[in-house]
Amino acid sequence: PTQQNTRIISDYGTDNFEEILPTQDYKDQYLDGKNIK
């Protein structure tokens, strides 16, 4: 399977669970934006 840095999909019974994991660049941009605000 292709390595996915930003998405992990897990199945729990009949429910689909999706979680977004931010990349390091996105984290840096987010922190910089937060500091600016």
PDB file of all heavy atoms in Angstrom:
ATOM      1  N   PRO A   1       0.822  -1.234   0.000  1.00  0.00           N
ATOM      2  CA  PRO A   1       0.000   0.000   0.000  1.00  0.00           C
ATOM      3  C   PRO A   1       0.847   1.271   0.000  1.00  0.00           C
ATOM      4  O   PRO A   1       1.928   1.308   0.583  1.00  0.00           O
ATOM      5  CB  PRO A   1      -0.802  -0.101   1.320  1.00  0.00           C
ATOM      6  CG  PRO A   1       0.024  -0.981   2.193  1.00  0.00           C
ATOM      7  CD  PRO A   1       0.707  -1.965   1.276  1.00  0.00           C
ATOM      8  N   THR A   2       0.333   2.268  -0.753  1.00  0.00           N
ATOM      9  CA  THR A   2       1.062   3.546  -0.824  1.00  0.00           C
ATOM     10  C   THR A   2       1.064   4.210   0.545  1.00  0.00           C
ATOM     11  O   THR A   2       0.062   4.263   1.243  1.00  0.00           O
ATOM     12  CB  THR A   2       0.370   4.493  -1.817  1.00  0.00           C
ATOM     13  OG1 THR A   2       0.291   3.823  -3.082  1.00  0.00           O
ATOM     14  CG2 THR A   2       1.147   5.800  -1.981  1.00  0.00           C
ATOM     15  N   GLN A   3       2.259   4.738   0.881  1.00  0.00           N
ATOM     16  CA  GLN A   3       2.378   5.362   2.204  1.00  0.00           C
ATOM     17  C   GLN A   3       1.579   6.652   2.236  1.00  0.00           C
ATOM     18  O   GLN A   3       1.691   7.485   1.364  1.00  0.00           O
ATOM     19  CB  GLN A   3       3.859   5.651   2.492  1.00  0.00           C
ATOM     20  CG  GLN A   3       4.063   6.224   3.906  1.00  0.00           C
ATOM     21  CD  GLN A   3       5.536   6.413   4.202  1.00  0.00           C
ATOM     22  OE1 GLN A   3       6.380   6.120   3.353  1.00  0.00           O
ATOM     23  NE2 GLN A   3       5.836   6.897   5.387  1.00  0.00           N
ATOM     24  N   GLN A   4       0.730   6.773   3.185  1.00  0.00           N
ATOM     25  CA  GLN A   4      -0.100   7.965   3.346  1.00  0.00           C
ATOM     26  C   GLN A   4       0.255   8.654   4.651  1.00  0.00           C
ATOM     27  O   GLN A   4       0.057   8.121   5.717  1.00  0.00           O
ATOM     28  CB  GLN A   4      -1.587   7.591   3.357  1.00  0.00           C
ATOM     29  CG  GLN A   4      -2.009   6.924   2.058  1.00  0.00           C
ATOM     30  CD  GLN A   4      -3.468   6.529   2.110  1.00  0.00           C
ATOM     31  OE1 GLN A   4      -4.101   6.711   3.125  1.00  0.00           O
ATOM     32  NE2 GLN A   4      -3.967   5.998   0.996  1.00  0.00           N
ATOM     33  N   ASN A   5       0.807   9.840   4.491  1.00  0.00           N
ATOM     34  CA  ASN A   5       1.233  10.573   5.677  1.00  0.00           C
ATOM     35  C   ASN A   5       0.088  11.315   6.346  1.00  0.00           C
ATOM     36  O   ASN A   5       0.164  11.666   7.507  1.00  0.00           O
ATOM     37  CB  ASN A   5       2.300  11.609   5.297  1.00  0.00           C
ATOM     38  CG  ASN A   5       3.586  10.911   4.838  1.00  0.00           C
ATOM     39  OD1 ASN A   5       3.888   9.834   5.326  1.00  0.00           O
ATOM     40  ND2 ASN A   5       4.318  11.537   3.910  1.00  0.00           N
ATOM     41  N   THR A   6      -0.966  11.560   5.535  1.00  0.00           N
ATOM     42  CA  THR A   6      -1.980  12.453   6.070  1.00  0.00           C
ATOM     43  C   THR A   6      -3.267  11.754   6.418  1.00  0.00           C
ATOM     44  O   THR A   6      -4.193  12.395   6.886  1.00  0.00           O
ATOM     45  CB  THR A   6      -2.289  13.555   5.048  1.00  0.00           C
ATOM     46  OG1 THR A   6      -2.797  12.962   3.867  1.00  0.00           O
ATOM     47  CG2 THR A   6      -1.038  14.372   4.728  1.00  0.00           C
ATOM     48  N   ARG A   7      -3.429  10.429   6.199  1.00  0.00           N
ATOM     49  CA  ARG A   7      -4.715   9.807   6.402  1.00  0.00           C
ATOM     50  C   ARG A   7      -4.564   8.378   6.955  1.00  0.00           C
ATOM     51  O   ARG A   7      -3.769   7.583   6.473  1.00  0.00           O
ATOM     52  CB  ARG A   7      -5.464   9.758   5.081  1.00  0.00           C
ATOM     53  CG  ARG A   7      -6.916   9.367   5.180  1.00  0.00           C
ATOM     54  CD  ARG A   7      -7.536   9.420   3.803  1.00  0.00           C
ATOM     55  NE  ARG A   7      -7.502  10.760   3.264  1.00  0.00           N
ATOM     56  CZ  ARG A   7      -8.466  11.659   3.440  1.00  0.00           C
ATOM     57  NH1 ARG A   7      -9.542  11.324   4.112  1.00  0.00           N
ATOM     58  NH2 ARG A   7      -8.379  12.854   2.917  1.00  0.00           N
ATOM     59  N   ILE A   8      -5.285   8.066   7.982  1.00  0.00           N
ATOM     60  CA  ILE A   8      -5.371   6.705   8.518  1.00  0.00           C
ATOM     61  C   ILE A   8      -6.824   6.334   8.537  1.00  0.00           C
ATOM     62  O   ILE A   8      -7.647   7.077   9.065  1.00  0.00           O
ATOM     63  CB  ILE A   8      -4.787   6.605   9.942  1.00  0.00           C
ATOM     64  CG1 ILE A   8      -3.283   6.871   9.910  1.00  0.00           C
ATOM     65  CG2 ILE A   8      -5.082   5.232  10.539  1.00  0.00           C
ATOM     66  CD1 ILE A   8      -2.660   6.871  11.275  1.00  0.00           C
ATOM     67  N   ILE A   9      -7.159   5.199   7.915  1.00  0.00           N
ATOM     68  CA  ILE A   9      -8.546   4.756   7.856  1.00  0.00           C
ATOM     69  C   ILE A   9      -8.668   3.465   8.629  1.00  0.00           C
ATOM     70  O   ILE A   9      -7.942   2.510   8.379  1.00  0.00           O
ATOM     71  CB  ILE A   9      -8.994   4.528   6.393  1.00  0.00           C
ATOM     72  CG1 ILE A   9      -8.854   5.838   5.613  1.00  0.00           C
ATOM     73  CG2 ILE A   9     -10.420   4.021   6.348  1.00  0.00           C
ATOM     74  CD1 ILE A   9      -9.156   5.691   4.154  1.00  0.00           C
ATOM     75  N   SER A  10      -9.537   3.434   9.577  1.00  0.00           N
ATOM     76  CA  SER A  10      -9.743   2.246  10.395  1.00  0.00           C
ATOM     77  C   SER A  10     -11.205   1.887  10.364  1.00  0.00           C
ATOM     78  O   SER A  10     -12.062   2.757  10.331  1.00  0.00           O
ATOM     79  CB  SER A  10      -9.308   2.508  11.840  1.00  0.00           C
ATOM     80  OG  SER A  10      -7.947   2.919  11.856  1.00  0.00           O
ATOM     81  N   ASP A  11     -11.425   0.606  10.338  1.00  0.00           N
ATOM     82  CA  ASP A  11     -12.800   0.116  10.357  1.00  0.00           C
ATOM     83  C   ASP A  11     -13.114  -0.442  11.726  1.00  0.00           C
ATOM     84  O   ASP A  11     -12.372  -1.231  12.271  1.00  0.00           O
ATOM     85  CB  ASP A  11     -12.990  -0.985   9.305  1.00  0.00           C
ATOM     86  CG  ASP A  11     -12.848  -0.450   7.894  1.00  0.00           C
ATOM     87  OD1 ASP A  11     -13.093   0.766   7.697  1.00  0.00           O
ATOM     88  OD2 ASP A  11     -12.497  -1.228   7.016  1.00  0.00           O
ATOM     89  N   TYR A  12     -14.267   0.072  12.264  1.00  0.00           N
ATOM     90  CA  TYR A  12     -14.726  -0.452  13.546  1.00  0.00           C
ATOM     91  C   TYR A  12     -16.119  -0.994  13.332  1.00  0.00           C
ATOM     92  O   TYR A  12     -17.084  -0.253  13.323  1.00  0.00           O
ATOM     93  CB  TYR A  12     -14.752   0.651  14.607  1.00  0.00           C
ATOM     94  CG  TYR A  12     -13.380   1.130  15.000  1.00  0.00           C
ATOM     95  CD1 TYR A  12     -12.798   2.223  14.367  1.00  0.00           C
ATOM     96  CD2 TYR A  12     -12.664   0.471  15.997  1.00  0.00           C
ATOM     97  CE1 TYR A  12     -11.537   2.655  14.732  1.00  0.00           C
ATOM     98  CE2 TYR A  12     -11.412   0.907  16.362  1.00  0.00           C
ATOM     99  CZ  TYR A  12     -10.853   2.002  15.734  1.00  0.00           C
ATOM    100  OH  TYR A  12      -9.610   2.443  16.086  1.00  0.00           O
ATOM    101  N   GLY A  13     -16.154  -2.342  13.085  1.00  0.00           N
ATOM    102  CA  GLY A  13     -17.461  -2.958  12.848  1.00  0.00           C
ATOM    103  C   GLY A  13     -18.057  -2.423  11.559  1.00  0.00           C
ATOM    104  O   GLY A  13     -17.459  -2.475  10.500  1.00  0.00           O
ATOM    105  N   THR A  14     -19.217  -1.780  11.683  1.00  0.00           N
ATOM    106  CA  THR A  14     -19.905  -1.228  10.510  1.00  0.00           C
ATOM    107  C   THR A  14     -19.668   0.256  10.353  1.00  0.00           C
ATOM    108  O   THR A  14     -20.138   0.863   9.408  1.00  0.00           O
ATOM    109  CB  THR A  14     -21.424  -1.463  10.650  1.00  0.00           C
ATOM    110  OG1 THR A  14     -21.866  -0.848  11.840  1.00  0.00           O
ATOM    111  CG2 THR A  14     -21.723  -2.939  10.689  1.00  0.00           C
ATOM    112  N   ASP A  15     -18.963   0.923  11.298  1.00  0.00           N
ATOM    113  CA  ASP A  15     -18.705   2.373  11.229  1.00  0.00           C
ATOM    114  C   ASP A  15     -17.350   2.639  10.635  1.00  0.00           C
ATOM    115  O   ASP A  15     -16.379   1.945  10.933  1.00  0.00           O
ATOM    116  CB  ASP A  15     -18.769   3.010  12.627  1.00  0.00           C
ATOM    117  CG  ASP A  15     -20.160   2.865  13.217  1.00  0.00           C
ATOM    118  OD1 ASP A  15     -21.120   2.859  12.421  1.00  0.00           O
ATOM    119  OD2 ASP A  15     -20.256   2.767  14.459  1.00  0.00           O
ATOM    120  N   ASN A  16     -17.256   3.639   9.779  1.00  0.00           N
ATOM    121  CA  ASN A  16     -15.976   4.058   9.221  1.00  0.00           C
ATOM    122  C   ASN A  16     -15.436   5.224  10.016  1.00  0.00           C
ATOM    123  O   ASN A  16     -16.143   6.182  10.279  1.00  0.00           O
ATOM    124  CB  ASN A  16     -16.139   4.480   7.760  1.00  0.00           C
ATOM    125  CG  ASN A  16     -16.471   3.297   6.882  1.00  0.00           C
ATOM    126  OD1 ASN A  16     -16.006   2.193   7.155  1.00  0.00           O
ATOM    127  ND2 ASN A  16     -17.266   3.518   5.833  1.00  0.00           N
ATOM    128  N   PHE A  17     -14.220   5.162  10.397  1.00  0.00           N
ATOM    129  CA  PHE A  17     -13.590   6.206  11.188  1.00  0.00           C
ATOM    130  C   PHE A  17     -12.470   6.803  10.363  1.00  0.00           C
ATOM    131  O   PHE A  17     -11.632   6.088   9.845  1.00  0.00           O
ATOM    132  CB  PHE A  17     -13.028   5.620  12.489  1.00  0.00           C
ATOM    133  CG  PHE A  17     -12.200   6.609  13.277  1.00  0.00           C
ATOM    134  CD1 PHE A  17     -12.802   7.562  14.068  1.00  0.00           C
ATOM    135  CD2 PHE A  17     -10.818   6.571  13.213  1.00  0.00           C
ATOM    136  CE1 PHE A  17     -12.051   8.461  14.789  1.00  0.00           C
ATOM    137  CE2 PHE A  17     -10.070   7.462  13.954  1.00  0.00           C
ATOM    138  CZ  PHE A  17     -10.673   8.411  14.743  1.00  0.00           C
ATOM    139  N   GLU A  18     -12.488   8.154  10.205  1.00  0.00           N
ATOM    140  CA  GLU A  18     -11.471   8.826   9.395  1.00  0.00           C
ATOM    141  C   GLU A  18     -10.842   9.934  10.212  1.00  0.00           C
ATOM    142  O   GLU A  18     -11.539  10.751  10.788  1.00  0.00           O
ATOM    143  CB  GLU A  18     -12.111   9.386   8.126  1.00  0.00           C
ATOM    144  CG  GLU A  18     -11.090  10.069   7.207  1.00  0.00           C
ATOM    145  CD  GLU A  18     -11.727  10.483   5.893  1.00  0.00           C
ATOM    146  OE1 GLU A  18     -11.850   9.635   5.014  1.00  0.00           O
ATOM    147  OE2 GLU A  18     -12.121  11.653   5.781  1.00  0.00           O
ATOM    148  N   GLU A  19      -9.541   9.971  10.257  1.00  0.00           N
ATOM    149  CA  GLU A  19      -8.816  10.976  11.040  1.00  0.00           C
ATOM    150  C   GLU A  19      -7.786  11.622  10.156  1.00  0.00           C
ATOM    151  O   GLU A  19      -7.067  10.936   9.426  1.00  0.00           O
ATOM    152  CB  GLU A  19      -8.124  10.323  12.233  1.00  0.00           C
ATOM    153  CG  GLU A  19      -7.345  11.324  13.078  1.00  0.00           C
ATOM    154  CD  GLU A  19      -6.624  10.621  14.216  1.00  0.00           C
ATOM    155  OE1 GLU A  19      -6.766   9.398  14.310  1.00  0.00           O
ATOM    156  OE2 GLU A  19      -5.922  11.296  14.953  1.00  0.00           O
ATOM    157  N   ILE A  20      -7.746  12.958  10.180  1.00  0.00           N
ATOM    158  CA  ILE A  20      -6.776  13.712   9.384  1.00  0.00           C
ATOM    159  C   ILE A  20      -5.579  14.017  10.261  1.00  0.00           C
ATOM    160  O   ILE A  20      -5.714  14.585  11.332  1.00  0.00           O
ATOM    161  CB  ILE A  20      -7.379  15.031   8.873  1.00  0.00           C
ATOM    162  CG1 ILE A  20      -8.651  14.752   8.086  1.00  0.00           C
ATOM    163  CG2 ILE A  20      -6.396  15.802   8.012  1.00  0.00           C
ATOM    164  CD1 ILE A  20      -8.455  13.904   6.872  1.00  0.00           C
ATOM    165  N   LEU A  21      -4.399  13.610   9.798  1.00  0.00           N
ATOM    166  CA  LEU A  21      -3.173  13.907  10.524  1.00  0.00           C
ATOM    167  C   LEU A  21      -2.418  14.980   9.769  1.00  0.00           C
ATOM    168  O   LEU A  21      -2.013  14.766   8.629  1.00  0.00           O
ATOM    169  CB  LEU A  21      -2.306  12.647  10.647  1.00  0.00           C
ATOM    170  CG  LEU A  21      -2.918  11.510  11.472  1.00  0.00           C
ATOM    171  CD1 LEU A  21      -1.922  10.345  11.492  1.00  0.00           C
ATOM    172  CD2 LEU A  21      -3.226  11.958  12.869  1.00  0.00           C
ATOM    173  N   PRO A  22      -2.201  16.139  10.361  1.00  0.00           N
ATOM    174  CA  PRO A  22      -1.495  17.219   9.657  1.00  0.00           C
ATOM    175  C   PRO A  22      -0.031  16.885   9.451  1.00  0.00           C
ATOM    176  O   PRO A  22       0.602  16.250  10.282  1.00  0.00           O
ATOM    177  CB  PRO A  22      -1.668  18.421  10.598  1.00  0.00           C
ATOM    178  CG  PRO A  22      -1.855  17.817  11.940  1.00  0.00           C
ATOM    179  CD  PRO A  22      -2.579  16.519  11.719  1.00  0.00           C
ATOM    180  N   THR A  23       0.471  17.353   8.319  1.00  0.00           N
ATOM    181  CA  THR A  23       1.897  17.181   8.066  1.00  0.00           C
ATOM    182  C   THR A  23       2.672  18.205   8.864  1.00  0.00           C
ATOM    183  O   THR A  23       2.124  19.160   9.393  1.00  0.00           O
ATOM    184  CB  THR A  23       2.194  17.384   6.570  1.00  0.00           C
ATOM    185  OG1 THR A  23       1.798  18.706   6.216  1.00  0.00           O
ATOM    186  CG2 THR A  23       1.417  16.379   5.719  1.00  0.00           C
ATOM    187  N   GLN A  24       3.975  18.062   8.887  1.00  0.00           N
ATOM    188  CA  GLN A  24       4.807  18.972   9.665  1.00  0.00           C
ATOM    189  C   GLN A  24       4.747  20.378   9.106  1.00  0.00           C
ATOM    190  O   GLN A  24       4.697  21.361   9.841  1.00  0.00           O
ATOM    191  CB  GLN A  24       6.261  18.467   9.678  1.00  0.00           C
ATOM    192  CG  GLN A  24       7.179  19.276  10.596  1.00  0.00           C
ATOM    193  CD  GLN A  24       6.742  19.182  12.056  1.00  0.00           C
ATOM    194  OE1 GLN A  24       6.289  18.138  12.504  1.00  0.00           O
ATOM    195  NE2 GLN A  24       6.857  20.297  12.767  1.00  0.00           N
ATOM    196  N   ASP A  25       4.720  20.482   7.729  1.00  0.00           N
ATOM    197  CA  ASP A  25       4.639  21.819   7.125  1.00  0.00           C
ATOM    198  C   ASP A  25       3.350  22.504   7.505  1.00  0.00           C
ATOM    199  O   ASP A  25       3.322  23.693   7.782  1.00  0.00           O
ATOM    200  CB  ASP A  25       4.731  21.701   5.595  1.00  0.00           C
ATOM    201  CG  ASP A  25       6.110  21.242   5.156  1.00  0.00           C
ATOM    202  OD1 ASP A  25       7.053  21.411   5.949  1.00  0.00           O
ATOM    203  OD2 ASP A  25       6.227  20.742   4.014  1.00  0.00           O
ATOM    204  N   TYR A  26       2.283  21.744   7.471  1.00  0.00           N
ATOM    205  CA  TYR A  26       0.982  22.315   7.825  1.00  0.00           C
ATOM    206  C   TYR A  26       0.972  22.777   9.270  1.00  0.00           C
ATOM    207  O   TYR A  26       0.442  23.835   9.610  1.00  0.00           O
ATOM    208  CB  TYR A  26      -0.110  21.274   7.587  1.00  0.00           C
ATOM    209  CG  TYR A  26      -1.482  21.800   7.902  1.00  0.00           C
ATOM    210  CD1 TYR A  26      -2.177  22.559   6.974  1.00  0.00           C
ATOM    211  CD2 TYR A  26      -2.071  21.549   9.139  1.00  0.00           C
ATOM    212  CE1 TYR A  26      -3.440  23.037   7.247  1.00  0.00           C
ATOM    213  CE2 TYR A  26      -3.332  22.037   9.431  1.00  0.00           C
ATOM    214  CZ  TYR A  26      -4.011  22.775   8.476  1.00  0.00           C
ATOM    215  OH  TYR A  26      -5.255  23.257   8.768  1.00  0.00           O
ATOM    216  N   LYS A  27       1.608  21.963  10.141  1.00  0.00           N
ATOM    217  CA  LYS A  27       1.693  22.355  11.557  1.00  0.00           C
ATOM    218  C   LYS A  27       2.440  23.667  11.711  1.00  0.00           C
ATOM    219  O   LYS A  27       2.031  24.553  12.468  1.00  0.00           O
ATOM    220  CB  LYS A  27       2.396  21.267  12.369  1.00  0.00           C
ATOM    221  CG  LYS A  27       1.571  20.020  12.570  1.00  0.00           C
ATOM    222  CD  LYS A  27       2.346  19.035  13.416  1.00  0.00           C
ATOM    223  CE  LYS A  27       1.524  17.763  13.673  1.00  0.00           C
ATOM    224  NZ  LYS A  27       2.284  16.787  14.473  1.00  0.00           N
ATOM    225  N   ASP A  28       3.547  23.807  10.973  1.00  0.00           N
ATOM    226  CA  ASP A  28       4.332  25.039  11.082  1.00  0.00           C
ATOM    227  C   ASP A  28       3.528  26.247  10.612  1.00  0.00           C
ATOM    228  O   ASP A  28       3.530  27.311  11.244  1.00  0.00           O
ATOM    229  CB  ASP A  28       5.612  24.914  10.259  1.00  0.00           C
ATOM    230  CG  ASP A  28       6.538  23.844  10.840  1.00  0.00           C
ATOM    231  OD1 ASP A  28       6.351  23.515  12.036  1.00  0.00           O
ATOM    232  OD2 ASP A  28       7.412  23.365  10.113  1.00  0.00           O
ATOM    233  N   GLN A  29       2.823  26.066   9.458  1.00  0.00           N
ATOM    234  CA  GLN A  29       2.010  27.165   8.951  1.00  0.00           C
ATOM    235  C   GLN A  29       0.903  27.529   9.934  1.00  0.00           C
ATOM    236  O   GLN A  29       0.581  28.691  10.151  1.00  0.00           O
ATOM    237  CB  GLN A  29       1.392  26.785   7.603  1.00  0.00           C
ATOM    238  CG  GLN A  29       2.440  26.640   6.501  1.00  0.00           C
ATOM    239  CD  GLN A  29       1.816  26.108   5.216  1.00  0.00           C
ATOM    240  OE1 GLN A  29       0.603  25.937   5.159  1.00  0.00           O
ATOM    241  NE2 GLN A  29       2.650  25.868   4.215  1.00  0.00           N
ATOM    242  N   TYR A  30       0.302  26.514  10.511  1.00  0.00           N
ATOM    243  CA  TYR A  30      -0.787  26.748  11.469  1.00  0.00           C
ATOM    244  C   TYR A  30      -0.298  27.530  12.676  1.00  0.00           C
ATOM    245  O   TYR A  30      -0.910  28.492  13.116  1.00  0.00           O
ATOM    246  CB  TYR A  30      -1.364  25.403  11.897  1.00  0.00           C
ATOM    247  CG  TYR A  30      -2.362  25.511  13.021  1.00  0.00           C
ATOM    248  CD1 TYR A  30      -3.649  25.952  12.759  1.00  0.00           C
ATOM    249  CD2 TYR A  30      -2.000  25.192  14.329  1.00  0.00           C
ATOM    250  CE1 TYR A  30      -4.575  26.065  13.783  1.00  0.00           C
ATOM    251  CE2 TYR A  30      -2.912  25.305  15.353  1.00  0.00           C
ATOM    252  CZ  TYR A  30      -4.195  25.731  15.073  1.00  0.00           C
ATOM    253  OH  TYR A  30      -5.096  25.830  16.084  1.00  0.00           O
ATOM    254  N   LEU A  31       0.897  27.086  13.193  1.00  0.00           N
ATOM    255  CA  LEU A  31       1.440  27.767  14.362  1.00  0.00           C
ATOM    256  C   LEU A  31       1.814  29.201  14.034  1.00  0.00           C
ATOM    257  O   LEU A  31       1.588  30.124  14.825  1.00  0.00           O
ATOM    258  CB  LEU A  31       2.642  26.997  14.913  1.00  0.00           C
ATOM    259  CG  LEU A  31       2.315  25.633  15.541  1.00  0.00           C
ATOM    260  CD1 LEU A  31       3.598  24.917  15.918  1.00  0.00           C
ATOM    261  CD2 LEU A  31       1.425  25.807  16.761  1.00  0.00           C
ATOM    262  N   ASP A  32       2.420  29.417  12.836  1.00  0.00           N
ATOM    263  CA  ASP A  32       2.783  30.778  12.440  1.00  0.00           C
ATOM    264  C   ASP A  32       1.542  31.651  12.320  1.00  0.00           C
ATOM    265  O   ASP A  32       1.498  32.791  12.778  1.00  0.00           O
ATOM    266  CB  ASP A  32       3.529  30.765  11.103  1.00  0.00           C
ATOM    267  CG  ASP A  32       4.918  30.156  11.260  1.00  0.00           C
ATOM    268  OD1 ASP A  32       5.391  30.090  12.414  1.00  0.00           O
ATOM    269  OD2 ASP A  32       5.516  29.765  10.247  1.00  0.00           O
ATOM    270  N   GLY A  33       0.478  31.110  11.699  1.00  0.00           N
ATOM    271  CA  GLY A  33      -0.767  31.863  11.553  1.00  0.00           C
ATOM    272  C   GLY A  33      -1.387  32.188  12.897  1.00  0.00           C
ATOM    273  O   GLY A  33      -1.912  33.274  13.127  1.00  0.00           O
ATOM    274  N   LYS A  34      -1.344  31.203  13.790  1.00  0.00           N
ATOM    275  CA  LYS A  34      -1.902  31.423  15.123  1.00  0.00           C
ATOM    276  C   LYS A  34      -1.161  32.530  15.844  1.00  0.00           C
ATOM    277  O   LYS A  34      -1.750  33.410  16.477  1.00  0.00           O
ATOM    278  CB  LYS A  34      -1.837  30.133  15.921  1.00  0.00           C
ATOM    279  CG  LYS A  34      -2.491  30.228  17.287  1.00  0.00           C
ATOM    280  CD  LYS A  34      -2.442  28.893  17.985  1.00  0.00           C
ATOM    281  CE  LYS A  34      -3.086  28.984  19.364  1.00  0.00           C
ATOM    282  NZ  LYS A  34      -3.015  27.706  20.086  1.00  0.00           N
ATOM    283  N   ASN A  35       0.170  32.525  15.725  1.00  0.00           N
ATOM    284  CA  ASN A  35       0.954  33.557  16.388  1.00  0.00           C
ATOM    285  C   ASN A  35       0.648  34.936  15.800  1.00  0.00           C
ATOM    286  O   ASN A  35       0.572  35.938  16.497  1.00  0.00           O
ATOM    287  CB  ASN A  35       2.443  33.259  16.233  1.00  0.00           C
ATOM    288  CG  ASN A  35       2.850  32.019  17.041  1.00  0.00           C
ATOM    289  OD1 ASN A  35       2.190  31.690  18.025  1.00  0.00           O
ATOM    290  ND2 ASN A  35       3.916  31.339  16.624  1.00  0.00           N
ATOM    291  N   ILE A  36       0.467  34.974  14.448  1.00  0.00           N
ATOM    292  CA  ILE A  36       0.148  36.256  13.805  1.00  0.00           C
ATOM    293  C   ILE A  36      -1.182  36.779  14.303  1.00  0.00           C
ATOM    294  O   ILE A  36      -1.339  37.954  14.613  1.00  0.00           O
ATOM    295  CB  ILE A  36       0.135  36.081  12.272  1.00  0.00           C
ATOM    296  CG1 ILE A  36       1.559  35.816  11.776  1.00  0.00           C
ATOM    297  CG2 ILE A  36      -0.456  37.316  11.591  1.00  0.00           C
ATOM    298  CD1 ILE A  36       1.635  35.435  10.314  1.00  0.00           C
ATOM    299  N   LYS A  37      -2.192  35.883  14.373  1.00  0.00           N
ATOM    300  CA  LYS A  37      -3.515  36.298  14.846  1.00  0.00           C
ATOM    301  C   LYS A  37      -3.465  36.795  16.278  1.00  0.00           C
ATOM    302  O   LYS A  37      -4.122  37.751  16.644  1.00  0.00           O
ATOM    303  CB  LYS A  37      -4.497  35.134  14.734  1.00  0.00           C
ATOM    304  CG  LYS A  37      -4.885  34.823  13.301  1.00  0.00           C
ATOM    305  CD  LYS A  37      -5.893  33.696  13.264  1.00  0.00           C
ATOM    306  CE  LYS A  37      -6.305  33.396  11.819  1.00  0.00           C
ATOM    307  NZ  LYS A  37      -7.287  32.303  11.754  1.00  0.00           N
TER     308      LYS A  37
END
